[in-house]
Structure formats: C-alpha cells, structure tokens
Amino acid sequence: MASQYKFASDGLRARIAGPRTSDKLVYIEKYGRAFMTAMAPKRGSGIWDKLVYIDLLAGPGRCISREGAKEFDGSARRALNTTPMFDHLYFCDKSRLNIAALRKRIGQSNESRVSILHGDCNELVSKILNGLSDKTLAIALLDPAGFEVNFSTLQKLSTKRVDLIYLFPSGIGIVRNLGQFIKMKISPMEAFWDKEWRELPAAKLASGKMLTQEELDKFDRPWVKSFREKVRGLGYSYQDEDPPYFRNENAGLLYHLLFFSKHKVGLTIWRGIRQIAPNQQRLLPFTDS
C-alpha cells in the first residue's frame, strides 16, 4: 500500500492530500470561524464557560499534494488559528509520528490551550468529555479515511453539547467495499454502524449480486439518509438535508460532509457558510442521480 505521507518543506511529516481535501478544509475552517464569531460574545454573559474544538483524527497538521507542488495547513492548524480563538483544543491521533509532527508545528506558545492525545479516538473521547462542563459548547470534527470512528463514539459525544462535522465515507468506504463486507461475518461496518446495516436495501441487494459502480452510486443517498436517522436518534435533530458531497477527477463518489447539531442556531450557521462553495461560487440546491 502506498504511503499516505510525505515530508513537507519544514522537514516534518505531512498527509498527502486528495483532490478535494482543500475544499473540505475550507468548509470546516469557515464553520469554526462563524461558530466562534457567534458564540464568543456569549461567554461574557455566562451562557457558556468554554468554547472548545475537538479533532479526533488530527493528523500531522500539514497537507501536501501527491506531486509535492502544493502545501497547506490541515484541520488542526486551521482551528488553532481561528479568530476569535477557541478556549481549548483537543487533538487526537493514533500515530506517534503524526503526534510528534503536530506538536512541533503547534509550538510551545500554544501549549496552554491545546491538549494533544495519542491513541485510539474511540477510547480517548471519554477522557476529553470528562473535562467538559455542562456549560461547555464544542465542535467535534470526525474525518476518517474509512471506518476508524465507531458509532459508540458519536453516542458518547451526544452526551455533551457538541456540534458534529462528519466526513461520511460513502464512496471511499462503503461503496468500494460493500461487496467484500457482505461476505464477512464481522466487517468494519459492525462497529461503524451496527449489525443492522445488513438489513438496509443496498446491502441486501449487494448480497445477492455484484453491482456496478453506477448502480452503487444510486444507492448512496439511502446510506446517507439512514445514517442521518441513526444520528437523529442521539438527539441531533438539526441536520443539513442537502450535505455537500465530493467526487474525484473521474466523477467517482468520495464522501459526504455531514453536519449535526442539537440546536437550530448551529444549523443556521452551517447553512450560512455553505451557501458559498470553496471556489467562491454560490451553491445550487443538492442534486444527485
């Protein structure tokens, strides 16, 4: 398997960026900035004691194009530089090499408001949440390459006041691997979803015959819709009904960018920032065949 990392111009590890990585990060960065602009004044009135950012799969803090011609900050560095500033930021990663690179890029001047945690995010999330009070409001970014985040982690996050930005692995995860997962007694989908995933229409169809990419793409929106309903059951009633989705250079589906909040204000902020696409063009309503 080809490496997911290269060395950046600062001599530290950087994550190789896919064709839509920069666009994805723009959405995340814009929400963080809009969230803080709206919520920071409410700290003074005592509504919130802290405004917190949680990145459960933070990476090394820097991205680089496959050919090495372009470098840009990852989600963690962008959150760190958000103004108004978050009161505290939690960055997690399972890779010691990523943690080491991220720590150097953050620097000592930011250590007082940053916690960098090494380990499995599904285990670390409880430690993070134990440090949040009932008057803490947070954003949690979940940006898996595949199925690293268990559904139980979302259940834990739902116990606090946390908005979720979730990269749902519709194409790069489910669509590409559905035929293989169907044949497995226990697949990565069991922890990611639960055993009920096998009862969804697309899974049932896939178990009977092999589907073409075009056919599988047509079943993607039911996957997204069904997942959103699962998350709604955790109390996240405010969701983007038309989430941005990303395709590769060959028009193959990659993932959907999902947003979940327990308060209508969060969804209002999200809808506001996504009206303008990363290329500064105003978005049309979501359509997909």
C-alpha atoms as a PDB file:
ATOM      1  CA  MET A   1       0.000   0.000   0.000  1.00  0.00           C
ATOM      2  CA  ALA A   2       1.353   3.413  -0.937  1.00  0.00           C
ATOM      3  CA  SER A   3       2.263   5.722   1.921  1.00  0.00           C
ATOM      4  CA  GLN A   4      -0.265   8.372   2.922  1.00  0.00           C
ATOM      5  CA  TYR A   5       2.519  10.737   3.976  1.00  0.00           C
ATOM      6  CA  LYS A   6       5.439  12.732   2.581  1.00  0.00           C
ATOM      7  CA  PHE A   7       7.836  15.282   4.039  1.00  0.00           C
ATOM      8  CA  ALA A   8       6.796  18.916   3.826  1.00  0.00           C
ATOM      9  CA  SER A   9       9.128  21.897   3.287  1.00  0.00           C
ATOM     10  CA  ASP A  10       9.566  22.273   7.070  1.00  0.00           C
ATOM     11  CA  GLY A  11      11.082  18.782   7.185  1.00  0.00           C
ATOM     12  CA  LEU A  12       8.136  17.318   9.070  1.00  0.00           C
ATOM     13  CA  ARG A  13       5.617  14.696   8.072  1.00  0.00           C
ATOM     14  CA  ALA A  14       2.615  15.838   6.016  1.00  0.00           C
ATOM     15  CA  ARG A  15      -0.504  13.995   4.919  1.00  0.00           C
ATOM     16  CA  ILE A  16      -0.885  13.521   1.161  1.00  0.00           C
ATOM     17  CA  ALA A  17      -3.944  15.482   0.065  1.00  0.00           C
ATOM     18  CA  GLY A  18      -6.602  14.103  -2.237  1.00  0.00           C
ATOM     19  CA  PRO A  19      -8.282  16.106  -4.989  1.00  0.00           C
ATOM     20  CA  ARG A  20     -10.960  17.585  -2.712  1.00  0.00           C
ATOM     21  CA  THR A  21      -9.060  17.920   0.572  1.00  0.00           C
ATOM     22  CA  SER A  22      -8.628  21.672   0.288  1.00  0.00           C
ATOM     23  CA  ASP A  23     -12.345  22.205  -0.434  1.00  0.00           C
ATOM     24  CA  LYS A  24     -13.306  20.109   2.574  1.00  0.00           C
ATOM     25  CA  LEU A  25     -10.992  22.064   4.852  1.00  0.00           C
ATOM     26  CA  VAL A  26     -12.452  25.375   3.681  1.00  0.00           C
ATOM     27  CA  TYR A  27     -15.917  24.306   4.856  1.00  0.00           C
ATOM     28  CA  ILE A  28     -14.542  23.190   8.223  1.00  0.00           C
ATOM     29  CA  GLU A  29     -12.490  26.346   8.691  1.00  0.00           C
ATOM     30  CA  LYS A  30     -15.392  28.628   7.755  1.00  0.00           C
ATOM     31  CA  TYR A  31     -17.713  26.927  10.230  1.00  0.00           C
ATOM     32  CA  GLY A  32     -15.181  27.245  13.032  1.00  0.00           C
ATOM     33  CA  ARG A  33     -14.779  30.956  12.362  1.00  0.00           C
ATOM     34  CA  ALA A  34     -18.545  31.597  12.083  1.00  0.00           C
ATOM     35  CA  PHE A  35     -19.216  29.485  15.194  1.00  0.00           C
ATOM     36  CA  MET A  36     -16.708  31.462  17.260  1.00  0.00           C
ATOM     37  CA  THR A  37     -17.922  34.822  15.943  1.00  0.00           C
ATOM     38  CA  ALA A  38     -21.475  33.956  17.007  1.00  0.00           C
ATOM     39  CA  MET A  39     -20.710  32.254  20.316  1.00  0.00           C
ATOM     40  CA  ALA A  40     -17.674  34.097  21.745  1.00  0.00           C
ATOM     41  CA  PRO A  41     -19.724  37.093  22.997  1.00  0.00           C
ATOM     42  CA  LYS A  42     -21.989  34.706  24.936  1.00  0.00           C
ATOM     43  CA  ARG A  43     -19.138  33.685  27.225  1.00  0.00           C
ATOM     44  CA  GLY A  44     -19.266  37.081  28.897  1.00  0.00           C
ATOM     45  CA  SER A  45     -22.970  36.711  29.637  1.00  0.00           C
ATOM     46  CA  GLY A  46     -22.370  33.381  31.356  1.00  0.00           C
ATOM     47  CA  ILE A  47     -24.194  31.231  28.814  1.00  0.00           C
ATOM     48  CA  TRP A  48     -21.005  29.280  28.043  1.00  0.00           C
ATOM     49  CA  ASP A  49     -17.943  28.859  30.218  1.00  0.00           C
ATOM     50  CA  LYS A  50     -15.748  27.494  27.395  1.00  0.00           C
ATOM     51  CA  LEU A  51     -15.839  27.099  23.632  1.00  0.00           C
ATOM     52  CA  VAL A  52     -13.903  24.016  22.596  1.00  0.00           C
ATOM     53  CA  TYR A  53     -12.679  22.345  19.421  1.00  0.00           C
ATOM     54  CA  ILE A  54     -12.162  18.560  19.211  1.00  0.00           C
ATOM     55  CA  ASP A  55     -10.357  16.906  16.295  1.00  0.00           C
ATOM     56  CA  LEU A  56     -10.418  13.154  16.818  1.00  0.00           C
ATOM     57  CA  LEU A  57      -8.197  12.300  13.819  1.00  0.00           C
ATOM     58  CA  ALA A  58      -5.993  15.365  13.643  1.00  0.00           C
ATOM     59  CA  GLY A  59      -3.059  14.082  11.579  1.00  0.00           C
ATOM     60  CA  PRO A  60       0.317  15.853  11.440  1.00  0.00           C
ATOM     61  CA  GLY A  61      -1.100  19.360  10.911  1.00  0.00           C
ATOM     62  CA  ARG A  62       0.054  19.843   7.330  1.00  0.00           C
ATOM     63  CA  CYS A  63      -1.115  18.572   3.933  1.00  0.00           C
ATOM     64  CA  ILE A  64       0.827  18.182   0.720  1.00  0.00           C
ATOM     65  CA  SER A  65      -0.251  17.348  -2.811  1.00  0.00           C
ATOM     66  CA  ARG A  66       0.825  14.000  -4.222  1.00  0.00           C
ATOM     67  CA  GLU A  67       3.339  15.596  -6.557  1.00  0.00           C
ATOM     68  CA  GLY A  68       4.585  17.862  -3.745  1.00  0.00           C
ATOM     69  CA  ALA A  69       3.821  21.119  -5.540  1.00  0.00           C
ATOM     70  CA  LYS A  70       1.290  22.434  -3.020  1.00  0.00           C
ATOM     71  CA  GLU A  71       1.271  22.543   0.776  1.00  0.00           C
ATOM     72  CA  PHE A  72      -1.404  23.847   3.146  1.00  0.00           C
ATOM     73  CA  ASP A  73      -2.453  23.633   6.781  1.00  0.00           C
ATOM     74  CA  GLY A  74      -4.586  20.736   7.940  1.00  0.00           C
ATOM     75  CA  SER A  75      -7.684  20.989  10.126  1.00  0.00           C
ATOM     76  CA  ALA A  76      -5.785  21.196  13.420  1.00  0.00           C
ATOM     77  CA  ARG A  77      -3.634  24.187  12.442  1.00  0.00           C
ATOM     78  CA  ARG A  78      -6.641  25.962  10.955  1.00  0.00           C
ATOM     79  CA  ALA A  79      -8.622  25.504  14.149  1.00  0.00           C
ATOM     80  CA  LEU A  80      -5.687  26.719  16.214  1.00  0.00           C
ATOM     81  CA  ASN A  81      -5.516  29.937  14.151  1.00  0.00           C
ATOM     82  CA  THR A  82      -9.277  30.594  14.231  1.00  0.00           C
ATOM     83  CA  THR A  83     -10.304  34.028  15.468  1.00  0.00           C
ATOM     84  CA  PRO A  84     -11.961  34.641  17.840  1.00  0.00           C
ATOM     85  CA  MET A  85      -9.881  31.940  19.493  1.00  0.00           C
ATOM     86  CA  PHE A  86     -11.209  28.694  20.928  1.00  0.00           C
ATOM     87  CA  ASP A  87     -10.672  28.426  24.679  1.00  0.00           C
ATOM     88  CA  HIS A  88      -9.250  24.931  24.338  1.00  0.00           C
ATOM     89  CA  LEU A  89      -8.489  22.497  21.545  1.00  0.00           C
ATOM     90  CA  TYR A  90      -8.127  18.712  21.744  1.00  0.00           C
ATOM     91  CA  PHE A  91      -6.160  16.931  19.022  1.00  0.00           C
ATOM     92  CA  CYS A  92      -6.035  13.135  18.839  1.00  0.00           C
ATOM     93  CA  ASP A  93      -4.208  10.724  16.584  1.00  0.00           C
ATOM     94  CA  LYS A  94      -3.253   7.061  16.699  1.00  0.00           C
ATOM     95  CA  SER A  95       0.098   7.626  15.000  1.00  0.00           C
ATOM     96  CA  ARG A  96       3.037   8.662  17.172  1.00  0.00           C
ATOM     97  CA  LEU A  97       4.698  10.164  14.092  1.00  0.00           C
ATOM     98  CA  ASN A  98       1.674  12.357  13.434  1.00  0.00           C
ATOM     99  CA  ILE A  99       1.560  13.428  17.066  1.00  0.00           C
ATOM    100  CA  ALA A 100       5.250  14.350  17.027  1.00  0.00           C
ATOM    101  CA  ALA A 101       4.903  16.443  13.852  1.00  0.00           C
ATOM    102  CA  LEU A 102       1.746  18.158  15.107  1.00  0.00           C
ATOM    103  CA  ARG A 103       3.320  19.000  18.440  1.00  0.00           C
ATOM    104  CA  LYS A 104       6.272  20.711  16.728  1.00  0.00           C
ATOM    105  CA  ARG A 105       4.004  22.647  14.381  1.00  0.00           C
ATOM    106  CA  ILE A 106       1.815  23.893  17.219  1.00  0.00           C
ATOM    107  CA  GLY A 107       4.771  25.164  19.220  1.00  0.00           C
ATOM    108  CA  GLN A 108       5.226  25.990  22.875  1.00  0.00           C
ATOM    109  CA  SER A 109       3.314  29.276  22.697  1.00  0.00           C
ATOM    110  CA  ASN A 110       0.034  27.395  22.260  1.00  0.00           C
ATOM    111  CA  GLU A 111       0.596  24.591  24.749  1.00  0.00           C
ATOM    112  CA  SER A 112      -1.604  26.140  27.453  1.00  0.00           C
ATOM    113  CA  ARG A 113      -4.778  25.860  25.388  1.00  0.00           C
ATOM    114  CA  VAL A 114      -4.050  22.647  23.484  1.00  0.00           C
ATOM    115  CA  SER A 115      -4.228  19.018  24.586  1.00  0.00           C
ATOM    116  CA  ILE A 116      -2.536  16.557  22.212  1.00  0.00           C
ATOM    117  CA  LEU A 117      -3.559  12.958  22.846  1.00  0.00           C
ATOM    118  CA  HIS A 118      -2.034   9.806  21.381  1.00  0.00           C
ATOM    119  CA  GLY A 119      -4.235   6.766  20.928  1.00  0.00           C
ATOM    120  CA  ASP A 120      -7.474   5.402  19.527  1.00  0.00           C
ATOM    121  CA  CYS A 121     -10.042   8.196  19.282  1.00  0.00           C
ATOM    122  CA  ASN A 122     -12.821   5.785  20.293  1.00  0.00           C
ATOM    123  CA  GLU A 123     -11.073   5.355  23.626  1.00  0.00           C
ATOM    124  CA  LEU A 124      -9.803   8.915  24.099  1.00  0.00           C
ATOM    125  CA  VAL A 125     -13.176  10.580  23.577  1.00  0.00           C
ATOM    126  CA  SER A 126     -14.365   9.704  27.097  1.00  0.00           C
ATOM    127  CA  LYS A 127     -11.290  11.358  28.631  1.00  0.00           C
ATOM    128  CA  ILE A 128     -11.958  14.518  26.622  1.00  0.00           C
ATOM    129  CA  LEU A 129     -15.654  14.656  27.504  1.00  0.00           C
ATOM    130  CA  ASN A 130     -14.911  14.207  31.202  1.00  0.00           C
ATOM    131  CA  GLY A 131     -13.138  17.563  31.052  1.00  0.00           C
ATOM    132  CA  LEU A 132     -16.145  19.418  29.637  1.00  0.00           C
ATOM    133  CA  SER A 133     -18.723  21.013  31.917  1.00  0.00           C
ATOM    134  CA  ASP A 134     -22.440  21.292  31.219  1.00  0.00           C
ATOM    135  CA  LYS A 135     -21.798  24.879  30.125  1.00  0.00           C
ATOM    136  CA  THR A 136     -19.118  23.991  27.602  1.00  0.00           C
ATOM    137  CA  LEU A 137     -20.036  24.183  23.907  1.00  0.00           C
ATOM    138  CA  ALA A 138     -17.863  22.293  21.439  1.00  0.00           C
ATOM    139  CA  ILE A 139     -17.318  21.407  17.798  1.00  0.00           C
ATOM    140  CA  ALA A 140     -16.072  17.896  17.067  1.00  0.00           C
ATOM    141  CA  LEU A 141     -14.516  17.051  13.709  1.00  0.00           C
ATOM    142  CA  LEU A 142     -14.575  13.408  12.638  1.00  0.00           C
ATOM    143  CA  ASP A 143     -12.593  12.989   9.427  1.00  0.00           C
ATOM    144  CA  PRO A 144     -11.905   9.266   8.968  1.00  0.00           C
ATOM    145  CA  ALA A 145     -10.116   7.763   5.982  1.00  0.00           C
ATOM    146  CA  GLY A 146     -12.535   4.857   6.276  1.00  0.00           C
ATOM    147  CA  PHE A 147     -14.112   3.304   9.359  1.00  0.00           C
ATOM    148  CA  GLU A 148     -11.868   4.480  12.187  1.00  0.00           C
ATOM    149  CA  VAL A 149     -14.734   6.084  14.122  1.00  0.00           C
ATOM    150  CA  ASN A 150     -17.174   3.747  15.879  1.00  0.00           C
ATOM    151  CA  PHE A 151     -20.811   4.709  16.247  1.00  0.00           C
ATOM    152  CA  SER A 152     -20.367   4.380  20.005  1.00  0.00           C
ATOM    153  CA  THR A 153     -18.085   7.426  19.813  1.00  0.00           C
ATOM    154  CA  LEU A 154     -20.924   9.503  18.388  1.00  0.00           C
ATOM    155  CA  GLN A 155     -23.118   8.206  21.199  1.00  0.00           C
ATOM    156  CA  LYS A 156     -20.565   9.450  23.734  1.00  0.00           C
ATOM    157  CA  LEU A 157     -20.270  12.851  22.055  1.00  0.00           C
ATOM    158  CA  SER A 158     -24.055  13.191  22.163  1.00  0.00           C
ATOM    159  CA  THR A 159     -23.961  13.273  25.976  1.00  0.00           C
ATOM    160  CA  LYS A 160     -22.447  16.781  25.830  1.00  0.00           C
ATOM    161  CA  ARG A 161     -23.221  19.956  23.914  1.00  0.00           C
ATOM    162  CA  VAL A 162     -21.184  19.138  20.834  1.00  0.00           C
ATOM    163  CA  ASP A 163     -21.837  20.008  17.193  1.00  0.00           C
ATOM    164  CA  LEU A 164     -20.520  17.345  14.800  1.00  0.00           C
ATOM    165  CA  ILE A 165     -18.838  17.771  11.427  1.00  0.00           C
ATOM    166  CA  TYR A 166     -18.532  14.294   9.975  1.00  0.00           C
ATOM    167  CA  LEU A 167     -16.850  13.089   6.781  1.00  0.00           C
ATOM    168  CA  PHE A 168     -19.169  10.217   5.923  1.00  0.00           C
ATOM    169  CA  PRO A 169     -17.201   7.601   3.895  1.00  0.00           C
ATOM    170  CA  SER A 170     -19.946   6.974   1.360  1.00  0.00           C
ATOM    171  CA  GLY A 171     -17.763   6.324  -1.673  1.00  0.00           C
ATOM    172  CA  ILE A 172     -14.257   5.708  -0.339  1.00  0.00           C
ATOM    173  CA  GLY A 173     -15.585   3.414   2.378  1.00  0.00           C
ATOM    174  CA  ILE A 174     -18.985   1.847   1.858  1.00  0.00           C
ATOM    175  CA  VAL A 175     -19.404   1.842  -1.922  1.00  0.00           C
ATOM    176  CA  ARG A 176     -15.925   0.498  -2.664  1.00  0.00           C
ATOM    177  CA  ASN A 177     -16.032  -2.205  -0.023  1.00  0.00           C
ATOM    178  CA  LEU A 178     -19.671  -3.221   0.152  1.00  0.00           C
ATOM    179  CA  GLY A 179     -19.276  -6.438  -1.841  1.00  0.00           C
ATOM    180  CA  GLN A 180     -16.379  -7.544   0.369  1.00  0.00           C
ATOM    181  CA  PHE A 181     -18.086  -6.579   3.633  1.00  0.00           C
ATOM    182  CA  ILE A 182     -21.218  -8.547   2.774  1.00  0.00           C
ATOM    183  CA  LYS A 183     -19.140 -11.742   2.689  1.00  0.00           C
ATOM    184  CA  MET A 184     -17.558 -11.124   6.108  1.00  0.00           C
ATOM    185  CA  LYS A 185     -19.176 -12.444   9.281  1.00  0.00           C
ATOM    186  CA  ILE A 186     -17.927  -9.383  11.152  1.00  0.00           C
ATOM    187  CA  SER A 187     -16.891  -6.431   8.987  1.00  0.00           C
ATOM    188  CA  PRO A 188     -15.729  -2.879   9.837  1.00  0.00           C
ATOM    189  CA  MET A 189     -19.357  -1.828   9.328  1.00  0.00           C
ATOM    190  CA  GLU A 190     -20.417  -3.544  12.565  1.00  0.00           C
ATOM    191  CA  ALA A 191     -18.539  -1.018  14.735  1.00  0.00           C
ATOM    192  CA  PHE A 192     -19.122   1.861  12.330  1.00  0.00           C
ATOM    193  CA  TRP A 193     -22.896   1.298  12.068  1.00  0.00           C
ATOM    194  CA  ASP A 194     -24.028  -1.853  13.961  1.00  0.00           C
ATOM    195  CA  LYS A 195     -25.281  -5.234  12.727  1.00  0.00           C
ATOM    196  CA  GLU A 196     -28.452  -3.633  11.365  1.00  0.00           C
ATOM    197  CA  TRP A 197     -26.542  -2.291   8.333  1.00  0.00           C
ATOM    198  CA  ARG A 198     -27.067  -5.637   6.636  1.00  0.00           C
ATOM    199  CA  GLU A 199     -30.826  -5.012   6.589  1.00  0.00           C
ATOM    200  CA  LEU A 200     -30.546  -1.816   4.542  1.00  0.00           C
ATOM    201  CA  PRO A 201     -31.767  -2.148   0.925  1.00  0.00           C
ATOM    202  CA  ALA A 202     -28.399  -1.593  -0.700  1.00  0.00           C
ATOM    203  CA  ALA A 203     -26.766  -4.235   1.488  1.00  0.00           C
ATOM    204  CA  LYS A 204     -29.491  -6.751   0.770  1.00  0.00           C
ATOM    205  CA  LEU A 205     -29.144  -6.166  -2.955  1.00  0.00           C
ATOM    206  CA  ALA A 206     -25.387  -6.433  -2.808  1.00  0.00           C
ATOM    207  CA  SER A 207     -25.601  -9.754  -1.029  1.00  0.00           C
ATOM    208  CA  GLY A 208     -27.478 -11.210  -3.979  1.00  0.00           C
ATOM    209  CA  LYS A 209     -25.384  -9.959  -6.856  1.00  0.00           C
ATOM    210  CA  MET A 210     -22.438  -7.773  -7.737  1.00  0.00           C
ATOM    211  CA  LEU A 211     -23.392  -4.215  -8.611  1.00  0.00           C
ATOM    212  CA  THR A 212     -21.730  -1.786 -10.968  1.00  0.00           C
ATOM    213  CA  GLN A 213     -20.272   1.475  -9.668  1.00  0.00           C
ATOM    214  CA  GLU A 214     -23.144   3.367 -11.279  1.00  0.00           C
ATOM    215  CA  GLU A 215     -25.696   1.152  -9.542  1.00  0.00           C
ATOM    216  CA  LEU A 216     -23.972   1.507  -6.207  1.00  0.00           C
ATOM    217  CA  ASP A 217     -23.847   5.299  -6.564  1.00  0.00           C
ATOM    218  CA  LYS A 218     -27.622   5.314  -6.906  1.00  0.00           C
ATOM    219  CA  PHE A 219     -27.879   3.634  -3.518  1.00  0.00           C
ATOM    220  CA  ASP A 220     -25.604   6.129  -1.805  1.00  0.00           C
ATOM    221  CA  ARG A 221     -28.213   8.631  -0.718  1.00  0.00           C
ATOM    222  CA  PRO A 222     -30.151   5.934   1.187  1.00  0.00           C
ATOM    223  CA  TRP A 223     -26.906   5.156   3.053  1.00  0.00           C
ATOM    224  CA  VAL A 224     -26.514   8.825   3.977  1.00  0.00           C
ATOM    225  CA  LYS A 225     -30.191   9.227   4.837  1.00  0.00           C
ATOM    226  CA  SER A 226     -30.210   6.099   7.005  1.00  0.00           C
ATOM    227  CA  PHE A 227     -27.074   7.216   8.838  1.00  0.00           C
ATOM    228  CA  ARG A 228     -28.541  10.635   9.493  1.00  0.00           C
ATOM    229  CA  GLU A 229     -31.609   8.994  11.001  1.00  0.00           C
ATOM    230  CA  LYS A 230     -29.388   6.955  13.340  1.00  0.00           C
ATOM    231  CA  VAL A 231     -27.662  10.131  14.495  1.00  0.00           C
ATOM    232  CA  ARG A 232     -31.022  11.884  14.883  1.00  0.00           C
ATOM    233  CA  GLY A 233     -31.845   9.200  17.432  1.00  0.00           C
ATOM    234  CA  LEU A 234     -28.958  10.543  19.548  1.00  0.00           C
ATOM    235  CA  GLY A 235     -30.691  13.913  19.864  1.00  0.00           C
ATOM    236  CA  TYR A 236     -29.147  15.635  16.852  1.00  0.00           C
ATOM    237  CA  SER A 237     -32.377  16.990  15.405  1.00  0.00           C
ATOM    238  CA  TYR A 238     -30.791  19.764  13.342  1.00  0.00           C
ATOM    239  CA  GLN A 239     -29.082  18.388  10.244  1.00  0.00           C
ATOM    240  CA  ASP A 240     -28.199  19.596   6.772  1.00  0.00           C
ATOM    241  CA  GLU A 241     -30.692  17.893   4.478  1.00  0.00           C
ATOM    242  CA  ASP A 242     -28.513  18.588   1.415  1.00  0.00           C
ATOM    243  CA  PRO A 243     -24.938  17.879   2.516  1.00  0.00           C
ATOM    244  CA  PRO A 244     -22.014  18.823   0.266  1.00  0.00           C
ATOM    245  CA  TYR A 245     -20.551  15.806  -1.481  1.00  0.00           C
ATOM    246  CA  PHE A 246     -17.200  15.324  -3.166  1.00  0.00           C
ATOM    247  CA  ARG A 247     -16.142  13.357  -6.241  1.00  0.00           C
ATOM    248  CA  ASN A 248     -12.736  12.561  -7.682  1.00  0.00           C
ATOM    249  CA  GLU A 249     -11.385  13.559 -11.091  1.00  0.00           C
ATOM    250  CA  ASN A 250     -13.267  10.663 -12.684  1.00  0.00           C
ATOM    251  CA  ALA A 251     -16.574  11.696 -11.093  1.00  0.00           C
ATOM    252  CA  GLY A 252     -16.403   8.766  -8.658  1.00  0.00           C
ATOM    253  CA  LEU A 253     -18.072   9.448  -5.318  1.00  0.00           C
ATOM    254  CA  LEU A 254     -15.678  10.041  -2.394  1.00  0.00           C
ATOM    255  CA  TYR A 255     -17.629  11.190   0.661  1.00  0.00           C
ATOM    256  CA  HIS A 256     -20.375  13.437   2.049  1.00  0.00           C
ATOM    257  CA  LEU A 257     -19.740  16.237   4.537  1.00  0.00           C
ATOM    258  CA  LEU A 258     -22.435  15.871   7.210  1.00  0.00           C
ATOM    259  CA  PHE A 259     -23.357  18.342   9.933  1.00  0.00           C
ATOM    260  CA  PHE A 260     -25.263  17.609  13.151  1.00  0.00           C
ATOM    261  CA  SER A 261     -26.384  19.945  15.927  1.00  0.00           C
ATOM    262  CA  LYS A 262     -28.808  19.840  18.830  1.00  0.00           C
ATOM    263  CA  HIS A 263     -29.732  23.485  18.359  1.00  0.00           C
ATOM    264  CA  LYS A 264     -31.183  25.325  15.384  1.00  0.00           C
ATOM    265  CA  VAL A 265     -28.553  28.062  15.711  1.00  0.00           C
ATOM    266  CA  GLY A 266     -25.822  25.589  14.776  1.00  0.00           C
ATOM    267  CA  LEU A 267     -27.647  24.563  11.632  1.00  0.00           C
ATOM    268  CA  THR A 268     -28.331  28.204  10.726  1.00  0.00           C
ATOM    269  CA  ILE A 269     -24.600  28.952  10.954  1.00  0.00           C
ATOM    270  CA  TRP A 270     -23.729  25.863   8.899  1.00  0.00           C
ATOM    271  CA  ARG A 271     -26.220  26.668   6.161  1.00  0.00           C
ATOM    272  CA  GLY A 272     -24.881  30.198   6.037  1.00  0.00           C
ATOM    273  CA  ILE A 273     -21.262  29.192   5.464  1.00  0.00           C
ATOM    274  CA  ARG A 274     -22.055  26.531   2.864  1.00  0.00           C
ATOM    275  CA  GLN A 275     -24.035  28.877   0.626  1.00  0.00           C
ATOM    276  CA  ILE A 276     -20.717  29.860  -0.913  1.00  0.00           C
ATOM    277  CA  ALA A 277     -18.657  26.944  -2.220  1.00  0.00           C
ATOM    278  CA  PRO A 278     -14.887  26.825  -1.615  1.00  0.00           C
ATOM    279  CA  ASN A 279     -14.350  28.216  -5.128  1.00  0.00           C
ATOM    280  CA  GLN A 280     -16.479  31.216  -4.063  1.00  0.00           C
ATOM    281  CA  GLN A 281     -19.343  30.190  -6.365  1.00  0.00           C
ATOM    282  CA  ARG A 282     -22.814  30.206  -4.805  1.00  0.00           C
ATOM    283  CA  LEU A 283     -24.105  26.656  -4.406  1.00  0.00           C
ATOM    284  CA  LEU A 284     -27.169  25.338  -6.154  1.00  0.00           C
ATOM    285  CA  PRO A 285     -29.568  23.005  -4.303  1.00  0.00           C
ATOM    286  CA  PHE A 286     -28.187  19.475  -3.848  1.00  0.00           C
ATOM    287  CA  THR A 287     -28.982  17.096  -6.677  1.00  0.00           C
ATOM    288  CA  ASP A 288     -27.585  13.666  -7.356  1.00  0.00           C
ATOM    289  CA  SER A 289     -28.769  10.889  -9.606  1.00  0.00           C
END
